[in-house]
């Protein structure tokens, strides 16, 4: 009996020690800290986000709205195409944050972390009903540069988190806009194109760029009447047309923006349809108004980008 009592006693002691060991692990400072740091910034799924308001540190605000599967940048009564992939990446990075490290619990710390109203950037996310899914203020970077300080609206507590989300708020509206003038048009869609222009791209005192020719596909290359064409140069020229990037949209272009068409590129597609790019008058600062003929969207395009697509036949002739 003494032996059995000893076994029972030792087993009880061992069980107690195991309980103490397990509790020690569960309630260790590291585990407690980890549980207290575990948090999500978005209440719900990222797919539920229907509007995003981003305020930069300078006070300017970018408004993004979702319609169906497409995102737009809202500018007053106008809506301009936004880069859906960039919006999705932002939501994924924001939703992926699962740990917030407490750095302070008082408002007095906000200025030092650039989390006060004057310095902080802000991301406000809502669903289709207007319910707030996230309201986050983002401040400065931590000492290592790999973390950023942030706080939730309505809370005095300041946190640090992965710095990836901060970069989305460091730049202006052009980084969110889809500024491809020709939209989804691809080089392979085009069977022939004509360029006609008389436009002054180099400022006063220099002659206008005057062009009038047509290029058509021939086998694996291009032809323009009897002129010799370098196939690679012609393909590069076409890419510069279909991939032309604007610098911004113009919500209310002046009435005379396209009173004179300085340059026009007509493109015949393999489907039998056609489209055209029109370049209108000067928009100031070496920029011009541009649009797809018959379209509602008006862009400003730099003279530099236009020079890349307004090449002469001599520019695309075979090199000797």
C-alpha atoms as a PDB file:
ATOM      1  CA  UNK A   1       0.000   0.000   0.000  1.00  0.00           C
ATOM      2  CA  UNK A   2       2.877   2.309   0.752  1.00  0.00           C
ATOM      3  CA  UNK A   3       4.216   1.696  -2.774  1.00  0.00           C
ATOM      4  CA  UNK A   4       0.806   2.429  -4.337  1.00  0.00           C
ATOM      5  CA  UNK A   5       0.463   5.609  -2.312  1.00  0.00           C
ATOM      6  CA  UNK A   6       3.883   6.734  -3.470  1.00  0.00           C
ATOM      7  CA  UNK A   7       2.915   6.091  -7.126  1.00  0.00           C
ATOM      8  CA  UNK A   8      -0.338   8.026  -6.687  1.00  0.00           C
ATOM      9  CA  UNK A   9       1.470  10.880  -4.958  1.00  0.00           C
ATOM     10  CA  UNK A  10       4.164  11.066  -7.633  1.00  0.00           C
ATOM     11  CA  UNK A  11       1.547  10.913 -10.408  1.00  0.00           C
ATOM     12  CA  UNK A  12      -0.396  13.751  -8.747  1.00  0.00           C
ATOM     13  CA  UNK A  13       2.751  15.847  -8.424  1.00  0.00           C
ATOM     14  CA  UNK A  14       3.625  15.170 -12.075  1.00  0.00           C
ATOM     15  CA  UNK A  15       0.119  16.147 -13.205  1.00  0.00           C
ATOM     16  CA  UNK A  16       0.311  19.338 -11.160  1.00  0.00           C
ATOM     17  CA  UNK A  17       3.692  20.156 -12.653  1.00  0.00           C
ATOM     18  CA  UNK A  18       2.317  19.571 -16.158  1.00  0.00           C
ATOM     19  CA  UNK A  19      -0.603  21.916 -15.450  1.00  0.00           C
ATOM     20  CA  UNK A  20       1.825  24.560 -14.154  1.00  0.00           C
ATOM     21  CA  UNK A  21       4.031  24.087 -17.225  1.00  0.00           C
ATOM     22  CA  UNK A  22       1.099  24.412 -19.658  1.00  0.00           C
ATOM     23  CA  UNK A  23      -0.264  27.459 -17.846  1.00  0.00           C
ATOM     24  CA  UNK A  24       3.232  28.932 -17.851  1.00  0.00           C
ATOM     25  CA  UNK A  25       3.383  28.610 -21.625  1.00  0.00           C
ATOM     26  CA  UNK A  26      -0.134  29.935 -22.210  1.00  0.00           C
ATOM     27  CA  UNK A  27       0.330  32.909 -19.933  1.00  0.00           C
ATOM     28  CA  UNK A  28       3.990  33.632 -20.594  1.00  0.00           C
ATOM     29  CA  UNK A  29       4.759  37.303 -21.332  1.00  0.00           C
ATOM     30  CA  UNK A  30       5.543  36.386 -24.936  1.00  0.00           C
ATOM     31  CA  UNK A  31       2.224  34.578 -25.451  1.00  0.00           C
ATOM     32  CA  UNK A  32       0.238  37.294 -23.690  1.00  0.00           C
ATOM     33  CA  UNK A  33       1.931  39.947 -25.804  1.00  0.00           C
ATOM     34  CA  UNK A  34       1.306  37.991 -28.966  1.00  0.00           C
ATOM     35  CA  UNK A  35      -2.391  37.629 -28.173  1.00  0.00           C
ATOM     36  CA  UNK A  36      -2.715  41.291 -27.269  1.00  0.00           C
ATOM     37  CA  UNK A  37      -0.969  42.268 -30.529  1.00  0.00           C
ATOM     38  CA  UNK A  38      -3.145  40.076 -32.731  1.00  0.00           C
ATOM     39  CA  UNK A  39      -5.586  42.341 -34.526  1.00  0.00           C
ATOM     40  CA  UNK A  40      -7.135  43.109 -37.887  1.00  0.00           C
ATOM     41  CA  UNK A  41      -7.593  46.555 -39.364  1.00  0.00           C
ATOM     42  CA  UNK A  42     -10.572  45.684 -41.576  1.00  0.00           C
ATOM     43  CA  UNK A  43     -13.809  44.576 -39.923  1.00  0.00           C
ATOM     44  CA  UNK A  44     -15.037  42.073 -42.479  1.00  0.00           C
ATOM     45  CA  UNK A  45     -13.772  40.820 -45.821  1.00  0.00           C
ATOM     46  CA  UNK A  46     -11.848  42.973 -48.266  1.00  0.00           C
ATOM     47  CA  UNK A  47     -14.398  42.023 -50.939  1.00  0.00           C
ATOM     48  CA  UNK A  48     -17.025  43.953 -48.941  1.00  0.00           C
ATOM     49  CA  UNK A  49     -15.173  47.270 -49.348  1.00  0.00           C
ATOM     50  CA  UNK A  50     -17.113  49.525 -51.749  1.00  0.00           C
ATOM     51  CA  UNK A  51     -15.535  52.929 -51.119  1.00  0.00           C
ATOM     52  CA  UNK A  52     -12.127  54.156 -50.020  1.00  0.00           C
ATOM     53  CA  UNK A  53     -11.192  57.653 -48.884  1.00  0.00           C
ATOM     54  CA  UNK A  54      -7.469  58.384 -48.640  1.00  0.00           C
ATOM     55  CA  UNK A  55      -6.188  61.604 -47.101  1.00  0.00           C
ATOM     56  CA  UNK A  56      -2.544  62.458 -47.629  1.00  0.00           C
ATOM     57  CA  UNK A  57      -0.400  64.319 -45.121  1.00  0.00           C
ATOM     58  CA  UNK A  58      -0.827  67.461 -47.244  1.00  0.00           C
ATOM     59  CA  UNK A  59      -4.584  67.391 -46.753  1.00  0.00           C
ATOM     60  CA  UNK A  60      -5.594  66.320 -50.269  1.00  0.00           C
ATOM     61  CA  UNK A  61      -8.146  63.514 -50.420  1.00  0.00           C
ATOM     62  CA  UNK A  62      -8.560  60.732 -52.971  1.00  0.00           C
ATOM     63  CA  UNK A  63     -11.988  59.120 -53.248  1.00  0.00           C
ATOM     64  CA  UNK A  64     -12.309  55.666 -54.806  1.00  0.00           C
ATOM     65  CA  UNK A  65     -15.627  53.939 -55.467  1.00  0.00           C
ATOM     66  CA  UNK A  66     -16.499  50.440 -56.653  1.00  0.00           C
ATOM     67  CA  UNK A  67     -19.204  49.656 -59.203  1.00  0.00           C
ATOM     68  CA  UNK A  68     -19.570  45.970 -59.968  1.00  0.00           C
ATOM     69  CA  UNK A  69     -15.990  44.725 -60.232  1.00  0.00           C
ATOM     70  CA  UNK A  70     -14.555  48.058 -61.415  1.00  0.00           C
ATOM     71  CA  UNK A  71     -13.026  50.847 -59.387  1.00  0.00           C
ATOM     72  CA  UNK A  72     -13.225  54.546 -60.227  1.00  0.00           C
ATOM     73  CA  UNK A  73     -11.642  57.687 -58.848  1.00  0.00           C
ATOM     74  CA  UNK A  74     -14.360  60.179 -57.950  1.00  0.00           C
ATOM     75  CA  UNK A  75     -13.700  63.805 -58.901  1.00  0.00           C
ATOM     76  CA  UNK A  76     -16.782  65.860 -58.079  1.00  0.00           C
ATOM     77  CA  UNK A  77     -19.513  64.640 -60.413  1.00  0.00           C
ATOM     78  CA  UNK A  78     -16.981  62.873 -62.673  1.00  0.00           C
ATOM     79  CA  UNK A  79     -15.649  59.361 -62.331  1.00  0.00           C
ATOM     80  CA  UNK A  80     -12.395  58.249 -63.911  1.00  0.00           C
ATOM     81  CA  UNK A  81     -11.069  54.672 -64.348  1.00  0.00           C
ATOM     82  CA  UNK A  82      -8.834  53.550 -61.490  1.00  0.00           C
ATOM     83  CA  UNK A  83      -6.207  50.818 -61.470  1.00  0.00           C
ATOM     84  CA  UNK A  84      -8.146  47.865 -60.090  1.00  0.00           C
ATOM     85  CA  UNK A  85      -4.990  45.869 -59.416  1.00  0.00           C
ATOM     86  CA  UNK A  86      -3.508  48.644 -57.285  1.00  0.00           C
ATOM     87  CA  UNK A  87      -6.716  48.960 -55.264  1.00  0.00           C
ATOM     88  CA  UNK A  88      -6.815  45.181 -54.760  1.00  0.00           C
ATOM     89  CA  UNK A  89      -3.172  45.139 -53.644  1.00  0.00           C
ATOM     90  CA  UNK A  90      -3.833  47.906 -51.129  1.00  0.00           C
ATOM     91  CA  UNK A  91      -6.823  46.071 -49.662  1.00  0.00           C
ATOM     92  CA  UNK A  92      -4.910  42.797 -49.511  1.00  0.00           C
ATOM     93  CA  UNK A  93      -1.952  44.412 -47.731  1.00  0.00           C
ATOM     94  CA  UNK A  94      -4.233  46.226 -45.301  1.00  0.00           C
ATOM     95  CA  UNK A  95      -6.241  43.067 -44.655  1.00  0.00           C
ATOM     96  CA  UNK A  96      -3.099  40.971 -44.216  1.00  0.00           C
ATOM     97  CA  UNK A  97      -1.985  42.899 -41.134  1.00  0.00           C
ATOM     98  CA  UNK A  98      -2.718  40.639 -38.190  1.00  0.00           C
ATOM     99  CA  UNK A  99      -0.406  41.995 -35.509  1.00  0.00           C
ATOM    100  CA  UNK A 100      -0.316  45.469 -33.987  1.00  0.00           C
ATOM    101  CA  UNK A 101       2.388  46.286 -31.457  1.00  0.00           C
ATOM    102  CA  UNK A 102       1.356  48.818 -28.816  1.00  0.00           C
ATOM    103  CA  UNK A 103       3.831  51.714 -28.597  1.00  0.00           C
ATOM    104  CA  UNK A 104       1.823  54.204 -26.527  1.00  0.00           C
ATOM    105  CA  UNK A 105      -1.608  54.577 -24.951  1.00  0.00           C
ATOM    106  CA  UNK A 106      -1.948  58.368 -24.713  1.00  0.00           C
ATOM    107  CA  UNK A 107      -2.774  61.128 -27.217  1.00  0.00           C
ATOM    108  CA  UNK A 108       0.301  62.956 -25.967  1.00  0.00           C
ATOM    109  CA  UNK A 109       2.436  60.565 -28.005  1.00  0.00           C
ATOM    110  CA  UNK A 110       0.698  61.277 -31.333  1.00  0.00           C
ATOM    111  CA  UNK A 111       2.858  64.207 -32.529  1.00  0.00           C
ATOM    112  CA  UNK A 112       6.044  62.209 -32.007  1.00  0.00           C
ATOM    113  CA  UNK A 113       4.675  59.395 -34.159  1.00  0.00           C
ATOM    114  CA  UNK A 114       3.191  61.846 -36.716  1.00  0.00           C
ATOM    115  CA  UNK A 115      -0.262  60.567 -35.771  1.00  0.00           C
ATOM    116  CA  UNK A 116      -1.823  63.914 -34.885  1.00  0.00           C
ATOM    117  CA  UNK A 117      -4.445  65.440 -37.181  1.00  0.00           C
ATOM    118  CA  UNK A 118      -1.939  67.813 -38.793  1.00  0.00           C
ATOM    119  CA  UNK A 119       0.541  65.117 -39.824  1.00  0.00           C
ATOM    120  CA  UNK A 120      -1.277  61.789 -40.118  1.00  0.00           C
ATOM    121  CA  UNK A 121      -2.570  60.218 -43.303  1.00  0.00           C
ATOM    122  CA  UNK A 122      -5.945  58.515 -43.150  1.00  0.00           C
ATOM    123  CA  UNK A 123      -7.637  55.552 -44.803  1.00  0.00           C
ATOM    124  CA  UNK A 124     -11.427  55.283 -44.405  1.00  0.00           C
ATOM    125  CA  UNK A 125     -13.104  52.185 -45.868  1.00  0.00           C
ATOM    126  CA  UNK A 126     -16.851  51.557 -46.097  1.00  0.00           C
ATOM    127  CA  UNK A 127     -19.115  48.864 -47.485  1.00  0.00           C
ATOM    128  CA  UNK A 128     -21.962  49.416 -49.946  1.00  0.00           C
ATOM    129  CA  UNK A 129     -24.365  50.390 -47.145  1.00  0.00           C
ATOM    130  CA  UNK A 130     -22.004  53.028 -45.788  1.00  0.00           C
ATOM    131  CA  UNK A 131     -20.893  50.988 -42.787  1.00  0.00           C
ATOM    132  CA  UNK A 132     -17.333  51.785 -41.721  1.00  0.00           C
ATOM    133  CA  UNK A 133     -15.074  48.749 -42.140  1.00  0.00           C
ATOM    134  CA  UNK A 134     -11.812  50.511 -41.287  1.00  0.00           C
ATOM    135  CA  UNK A 135     -10.794  53.988 -40.160  1.00  0.00           C
ATOM    136  CA  UNK A 136      -7.041  54.130 -39.726  1.00  0.00           C
ATOM    137  CA  UNK A 137      -4.592  57.000 -39.221  1.00  0.00           C
ATOM    138  CA  UNK A 138      -1.080  56.324 -40.501  1.00  0.00           C
ATOM    139  CA  UNK A 139       1.919  58.259 -39.227  1.00  0.00           C
ATOM    140  CA  UNK A 140       5.679  58.146 -39.590  1.00  0.00           C
ATOM    141  CA  UNK A 141       8.042  55.239 -40.013  1.00  0.00           C
ATOM    142  CA  UNK A 142       9.711  53.432 -37.126  1.00  0.00           C
ATOM    143  CA  UNK A 143      13.476  53.496 -36.527  1.00  0.00           C
ATOM    144  CA  UNK A 144      14.127  50.464 -38.734  1.00  0.00           C
ATOM    145  CA  UNK A 145      12.004  51.724 -41.642  1.00  0.00           C
ATOM    146  CA  UNK A 146      10.213  48.377 -41.806  1.00  0.00           C
ATOM    147  CA  UNK A 147       7.381  49.481 -39.542  1.00  0.00           C
ATOM    148  CA  UNK A 148       4.962  52.387 -39.518  1.00  0.00           C
ATOM    149  CA  UNK A 149       3.016  53.958 -36.666  1.00  0.00           C
ATOM    150  CA  UNK A 150      -0.774  53.947 -36.804  1.00  0.00           C
ATOM    151  CA  UNK A 151      -3.881  54.356 -34.718  1.00  0.00           C
ATOM    152  CA  UNK A 152      -7.559  53.567 -35.060  1.00  0.00           C
ATOM    153  CA  UNK A 153     -10.148  56.341 -35.095  1.00  0.00           C
ATOM    154  CA  UNK A 154     -11.784  56.693 -31.670  1.00  0.00           C
ATOM    155  CA  UNK A 155      -8.818  55.233 -29.785  1.00  0.00           C
ATOM    156  CA  UNK A 156      -5.892  56.942 -28.030  1.00  0.00           C
ATOM    157  CA  UNK A 157      -3.615  53.907 -28.454  1.00  0.00           C
ATOM    158  CA  UNK A 158      -0.752  54.067 -30.935  1.00  0.00           C
ATOM    159  CA  UNK A 159       0.628  50.966 -32.638  1.00  0.00           C
ATOM    160  CA  UNK A 160       3.370  49.945 -35.006  1.00  0.00           C
ATOM    161  CA  UNK A 161       2.767  47.579 -37.909  1.00  0.00           C
ATOM    162  CA  UNK A 162       4.333  46.460 -41.162  1.00  0.00           C
ATOM    163  CA  UNK A 163       5.228  49.538 -43.208  1.00  0.00           C
ATOM    164  CA  UNK A 164       3.968  48.269 -46.590  1.00  0.00           C
ATOM    165  CA  UNK A 165       0.578  49.977 -46.363  1.00  0.00           C
ATOM    166  CA  UNK A 166       2.106  53.444 -45.887  1.00  0.00           C
ATOM    167  CA  UNK A 167       3.539  53.608 -49.416  1.00  0.00           C
ATOM    168  CA  UNK A 168       0.027  53.612 -50.907  1.00  0.00           C
ATOM    169  CA  UNK A 169      -0.688  56.954 -49.255  1.00  0.00           C
ATOM    170  CA  UNK A 170       2.623  58.610 -50.080  1.00  0.00           C
ATOM    171  CA  UNK A 171       1.707  59.519 -53.664  1.00  0.00           C
ATOM    172  CA  UNK A 172      -1.044  61.450 -55.423  1.00  0.00           C
ATOM    173  CA  UNK A 173      -4.054  60.598 -57.565  1.00  0.00           C
ATOM    174  CA  UNK A 174      -2.110  59.758 -60.715  1.00  0.00           C
ATOM    175  CA  UNK A 175      -0.803  56.568 -59.063  1.00  0.00           C
ATOM    176  CA  UNK A 176      -4.415  55.359 -58.646  1.00  0.00           C
ATOM    177  CA  UNK A 177      -5.705  56.337 -62.086  1.00  0.00           C
ATOM    178  CA  UNK A 178      -5.728  54.069 -65.130  1.00  0.00           C
ATOM    179  CA  UNK A 179      -4.281  56.557 -67.608  1.00  0.00           C
ATOM    180  CA  UNK A 180      -3.978  54.383 -70.711  1.00  0.00           C
ATOM    181  CA  UNK A 181      -5.464  56.645 -73.368  1.00  0.00           C
ATOM    182  CA  UNK A 182      -6.362  53.762 -75.713  1.00  0.00           C
ATOM    183  CA  UNK A 183      -7.771  51.592 -72.928  1.00  0.00           C
ATOM    184  CA  UNK A 184      -7.418  47.837 -73.420  1.00  0.00           C
ATOM    185  CA  UNK A 185      -6.337  48.080 -77.081  1.00  0.00           C
ATOM    186  CA  UNK A 186      -3.385  45.808 -77.879  1.00  0.00           C
ATOM    187  CA  UNK A 187      -0.732  45.908 -80.562  1.00  0.00           C
ATOM    188  CA  UNK A 188      -1.948  42.630 -82.118  1.00  0.00           C
ATOM    189  CA  UNK A 189      -5.456  44.074 -82.520  1.00  0.00           C
ATOM    190  CA  UNK A 190      -4.274  46.590 -85.121  1.00  0.00           C
ATOM    191  CA  UNK A 191      -4.016  45.697 -88.824  1.00  0.00           C
ATOM    192  CA  UNK A 192      -3.155  49.152 -90.148  1.00  0.00           C
ATOM    193  CA  UNK A 193      -2.842  52.702 -88.885  1.00  0.00           C
ATOM    194  CA  UNK A 194      -2.531  56.185 -90.335  1.00  0.00           C
ATOM    195  CA  UNK A 195      -0.826  59.191 -88.804  1.00  0.00           C
ATOM    196  CA  UNK A 196      -1.705  62.725 -89.846  1.00  0.00           C
ATOM    197  CA  UNK A 197      -0.446  65.704 -87.935  1.00  0.00           C
ATOM    198  CA  UNK A 198       0.848  69.238 -88.022  1.00  0.00           C
ATOM    199  CA  UNK A 199       1.618  69.986 -84.423  1.00  0.00           C
ATOM    200  CA  UNK A 200       4.174  72.159 -82.677  1.00  0.00           C
ATOM    201  CA  UNK A 201       5.801  69.939 -80.061  1.00  0.00           C
ATOM    202  CA  UNK A 202       9.084  71.752 -79.486  1.00  0.00           C
ATOM    203  CA  UNK A 203       7.857  75.192 -78.529  1.00  0.00           C
ATOM    204  CA  UNK A 204       8.140  78.527 -80.247  1.00  0.00           C
ATOM    205  CA  UNK A 205      10.857  79.077 -82.827  1.00  0.00           C
ATOM    206  CA  UNK A 206      10.834  75.492 -84.053  1.00  0.00           C
ATOM    207  CA  UNK A 207       8.863  73.976 -86.875  1.00  0.00           C
ATOM    208  CA  UNK A 208       5.792  71.833 -86.515  1.00  0.00           C
ATOM    209  CA  UNK A 209       5.924  68.055 -86.794  1.00  0.00           C
ATOM    210  CA  UNK A 210       4.149  67.329 -90.090  1.00  0.00           C
ATOM    211  CA  UNK A 211       3.250  63.714 -90.946  1.00  0.00           C
ATOM    212  CA  UNK A 212       0.865  61.960 -93.316  1.00  0.00           C
ATOM    213  CA  UNK A 213       1.317  58.241 -93.968  1.00  0.00           C
ATOM    214  CA  UNK A 214      -0.249  54.811 -93.455  1.00  0.00           C
ATOM    215  CA  UNK A 215       1.337  51.546 -92.295  1.00  0.00           C
ATOM    216  CA  UNK A 216      -0.240  48.147 -92.998  1.00  0.00           C
ATOM    217  CA  UNK A 217       0.713  44.676 -91.911  1.00  0.00           C
ATOM    218  CA  UNK A 218       2.432  42.540 -94.518  1.00  0.00           C
ATOM    219  CA  UNK A 219       3.360  38.982 -93.549  1.00  0.00           C
ATOM    220  CA  UNK A 220       5.442  39.452 -90.387  1.00  0.00           C
ATOM    221  CA  UNK A 221       6.317  43.042 -91.138  1.00  0.00           C
ATOM    222  CA  UNK A 222       4.841  46.373 -92.193  1.00  0.00           C
ATOM    223  CA  UNK A 223       4.586  48.303 -95.447  1.00  0.00           C
ATOM    224  CA  UNK A 224       3.856  51.889 -96.448  1.00  0.00           C
ATOM    225  CA  UNK A 225       3.504  52.097-100.220  1.00  0.00           C
ATOM    226  CA  UNK A 226       6.953  51.818-101.787  1.00  0.00           C
ATOM    227  CA  UNK A 227       8.766  52.991 -98.651  1.00  0.00           C
ATOM    228  CA  UNK A 228      11.090  50.571 -96.873  1.00  0.00           C
ATOM    229  CA  UNK A 229      10.023  49.965 -93.273  1.00  0.00           C
ATOM    230  CA  UNK A 230      11.956  48.412 -90.417  1.00  0.00           C
ATOM    231  CA  UNK A 231       9.578  45.852 -88.905  1.00  0.00           C
ATOM    232  CA  UNK A 232      10.866  46.249 -85.336  1.00  0.00           C
ATOM    233  CA  UNK A 233      10.763  50.045 -85.524  1.00  0.00           C
ATOM    234  CA  UNK A 234       7.196  49.960 -86.885  1.00  0.00           C
ATOM    235  CA  UNK A 235       6.107  47.598 -84.089  1.00  0.00           C
ATOM    236  CA  UNK A 236       7.747  49.850 -81.516  1.00  0.00           C
ATOM    237  CA  UNK A 237       5.912  52.841 -82.996  1.00  0.00           C
ATOM    238  CA  UNK A 238       2.577  51.031 -82.781  1.00  0.00           C
ATOM    239  CA  UNK A 239       3.235  50.046 -79.165  1.00  0.00           C
ATOM    240  CA  UNK A 240       3.921  53.673 -78.266  1.00  0.00           C
ATOM    241  CA  UNK A 241       0.488  54.535 -79.716  1.00  0.00           C
ATOM    242  CA  UNK A 242      -1.609  51.812 -78.078  1.00  0.00           C
ATOM    243  CA  UNK A 243       0.249  52.179 -74.760  1.00  0.00           C
ATOM    244  CA  UNK A 244       0.170  55.986 -74.682  1.00  0.00           C
ATOM    245  CA  UNK A 245      -0.148  57.201 -71.091  1.00  0.00           C
ATOM    246  CA  UNK A 246      -1.870  60.406 -70.101  1.00  0.00           C
ATOM    247  CA  UNK A 247      -0.710  62.436 -67.134  1.00  0.00           C
ATOM    248  CA  UNK A 248      -4.182  63.119 -65.771  1.00  0.00           C
ATOM    249  CA  UNK A 249      -7.844  63.346 -66.714  1.00  0.00           C
ATOM    250  CA  UNK A 250      -9.565  66.672 -67.343  1.00  0.00           C
ATOM    251  CA  UNK A 251     -13.014  66.829 -65.777  1.00  0.00           C
ATOM    252  CA  UNK A 252     -14.013  70.030 -67.631  1.00  0.00           C
ATOM    253  CA  UNK A 253     -11.841  70.700 -70.686  1.00  0.00           C
ATOM    254  CA  UNK A 254     -12.117  74.177 -72.225  1.00  0.00           C
ATOM    255  CA  UNK A 255     -14.606  74.506 -75.102  1.00  0.00           C
ATOM    256  CA  UNK A 256     -11.832  74.945 -77.664  1.00  0.00           C
ATOM    257  CA  UNK A 257      -9.694  72.009 -76.511  1.00  0.00           C
ATOM    258  CA  UNK A 258     -10.369  70.130 -79.766  1.00  0.00           C
ATOM    259  CA  UNK A 259     -11.355  73.013 -82.012  1.00  0.00           C
ATOM    260  CA  UNK A 260      -8.218  72.183 -83.985  1.00  0.00           C
ATOM    261  CA  UNK A 261      -6.955  68.607 -84.201  1.00  0.00           C
ATOM    262  CA  UNK A 262      -3.182  68.856 -84.181  1.00  0.00           C
ATOM    263  CA  UNK A 263      -2.657  65.115 -84.663  1.00  0.00           C
ATOM    264  CA  UNK A 264      -4.878  62.152 -85.459  1.00  0.00           C
ATOM    265  CA  UNK A 265      -4.045  58.451 -85.529  1.00  0.00           C
ATOM    266  CA  UNK A 266      -6.623  56.190 -87.194  1.00  0.00           C
ATOM    267  CA  UNK A 267      -6.354  52.497 -86.369  1.00  0.00           C
ATOM    268  CA  UNK A 268      -8.056  49.715 -88.338  1.00  0.00           C
ATOM    269  CA  UNK A 269      -8.619  46.592 -86.258  1.00  0.00           C
ATOM    270  CA  UNK A 270      -8.669  42.940 -87.204  1.00  0.00           C
ATOM    271  CA  UNK A 271     -12.331  42.776 -86.201  1.00  0.00           C
ATOM    272  CA  UNK A 272     -13.242  45.178 -89.000  1.00  0.00           C
ATOM    273  CA  UNK A 273     -13.844  48.001 -86.531  1.00  0.00           C
ATOM    274  CA  UNK A 274     -11.770  51.143 -86.207  1.00  0.00           C
ATOM    275  CA  UNK A 275     -10.809  53.666 -83.577  1.00  0.00           C
ATOM    276  CA  UNK A 276      -8.878  56.911 -83.555  1.00  0.00           C
ATOM    277  CA  UNK A 277      -6.710  58.980 -81.256  1.00  0.00           C
ATOM    278  CA  UNK A 278      -7.091  62.751 -81.424  1.00  0.00           C
ATOM    279  CA  UNK A 279      -4.655  65.318 -80.067  1.00  0.00           C
ATOM    280  CA  UNK A 280      -6.105  68.771 -79.642  1.00  0.00           C
ATOM    281  CA  UNK A 281      -4.733  72.089 -78.468  1.00  0.00           C
ATOM    282  CA  UNK A 282      -2.004  72.887 -75.965  1.00  0.00           C
ATOM    283  CA  UNK A 283      -2.883  72.411 -72.294  1.00  0.00           C
ATOM    284  CA  UNK A 284       0.090  74.368 -70.955  1.00  0.00           C
ATOM    285  CA  UNK A 285       3.418  73.194 -69.533  1.00  0.00           C
ATOM    286  CA  UNK A 286       4.323  71.208 -72.673  1.00  0.00           C
ATOM    287  CA  UNK A 287       1.102  69.240 -72.523  1.00  0.00           C
ATOM    288  CA  UNK A 288      -1.766  68.703 -74.931  1.00  0.00           C
ATOM    289  CA  UNK A 289      -5.367  67.577 -74.697  1.00  0.00           C
ATOM    290  CA  UNK A 290      -5.998  64.065 -76.063  1.00  0.00           C
ATOM    291  CA  UNK A 291      -8.944  61.712 -76.401  1.00  0.00           C
ATOM    292  CA  UNK A 292     -10.272  58.695 -78.244  1.00  0.00           C
ATOM    293  CA  UNK A 293     -12.483  60.083 -81.016  1.00  0.00           C
ATOM    294  CA  UNK A 294     -16.097  59.991 -79.884  1.00  0.00           C
ATOM    295  CA  UNK A 295     -15.120  59.212 -76.286  1.00  0.00           C
ATOM    296  CA  UNK A 296     -16.025  61.119 -73.144  1.00  0.00           C
ATOM    297  CA  UNK A 297     -12.650  60.949 -71.395  1.00  0.00           C
ATOM    298  CA  UNK A 298     -10.161  63.754 -71.966  1.00  0.00           C
ATOM    299  CA  UNK A 299      -6.511  63.448 -70.952  1.00  0.00           C
ATOM    300  CA  UNK A 300      -3.531  65.714 -70.709  1.00  0.00           C
ATOM    301  CA  UNK A 301      -0.559  64.143 -72.497  1.00  0.00           C
ATOM    302  CA  UNK A 302       3.029  65.346 -72.370  1.00  0.00           C
ATOM    303  CA  UNK A 303       4.810  66.561 -75.498  1.00  0.00           C
ATOM    304  CA  UNK A 304       7.553  64.061 -74.630  1.00  0.00           C
ATOM    305  CA  UNK A 305       5.160  61.096 -74.887  1.00  0.00           C
ATOM    306  CA  UNK A 306       3.680  62.459 -78.119  1.00  0.00           C
ATOM    307  CA  UNK A 307       7.131  62.684 -79.684  1.00  0.00           C
ATOM    308  CA  UNK A 308       7.525  58.963 -79.032  1.00  0.00           C
ATOM    309  CA  UNK A 309       4.508  58.156 -81.219  1.00  0.00           C
ATOM    310  CA  UNK A 310       4.714  60.851 -83.894  1.00  0.00           C
ATOM    311  CA  UNK A 311       7.604  59.397 -85.892  1.00  0.00           C
ATOM    312  CA  UNK A 312       8.331  60.057 -89.535  1.00  0.00           C
ATOM    313  CA  UNK A 313       8.860  57.356 -92.165  1.00  0.00           C
ATOM    314  CA  UNK A 314      12.548  58.215 -92.065  1.00  0.00           C
ATOM    315  CA  UNK A 315      12.581  57.386 -88.349  1.00  0.00           C
ATOM    316  CA  UNK A 316      11.303  53.839 -89.006  1.00  0.00           C
ATOM    317  CA  UNK A 317      13.251  53.136 -92.206  1.00  0.00           C
ATOM    318  CA  UNK A 318      15.788  50.266 -92.166  1.00  0.00           C
ATOM    319  CA  UNK A 319      19.148  51.333 -90.744  1.00  0.00           C
ATOM    320  CA  UNK A 320      21.997  51.286 -93.244  1.00  0.00           C
END
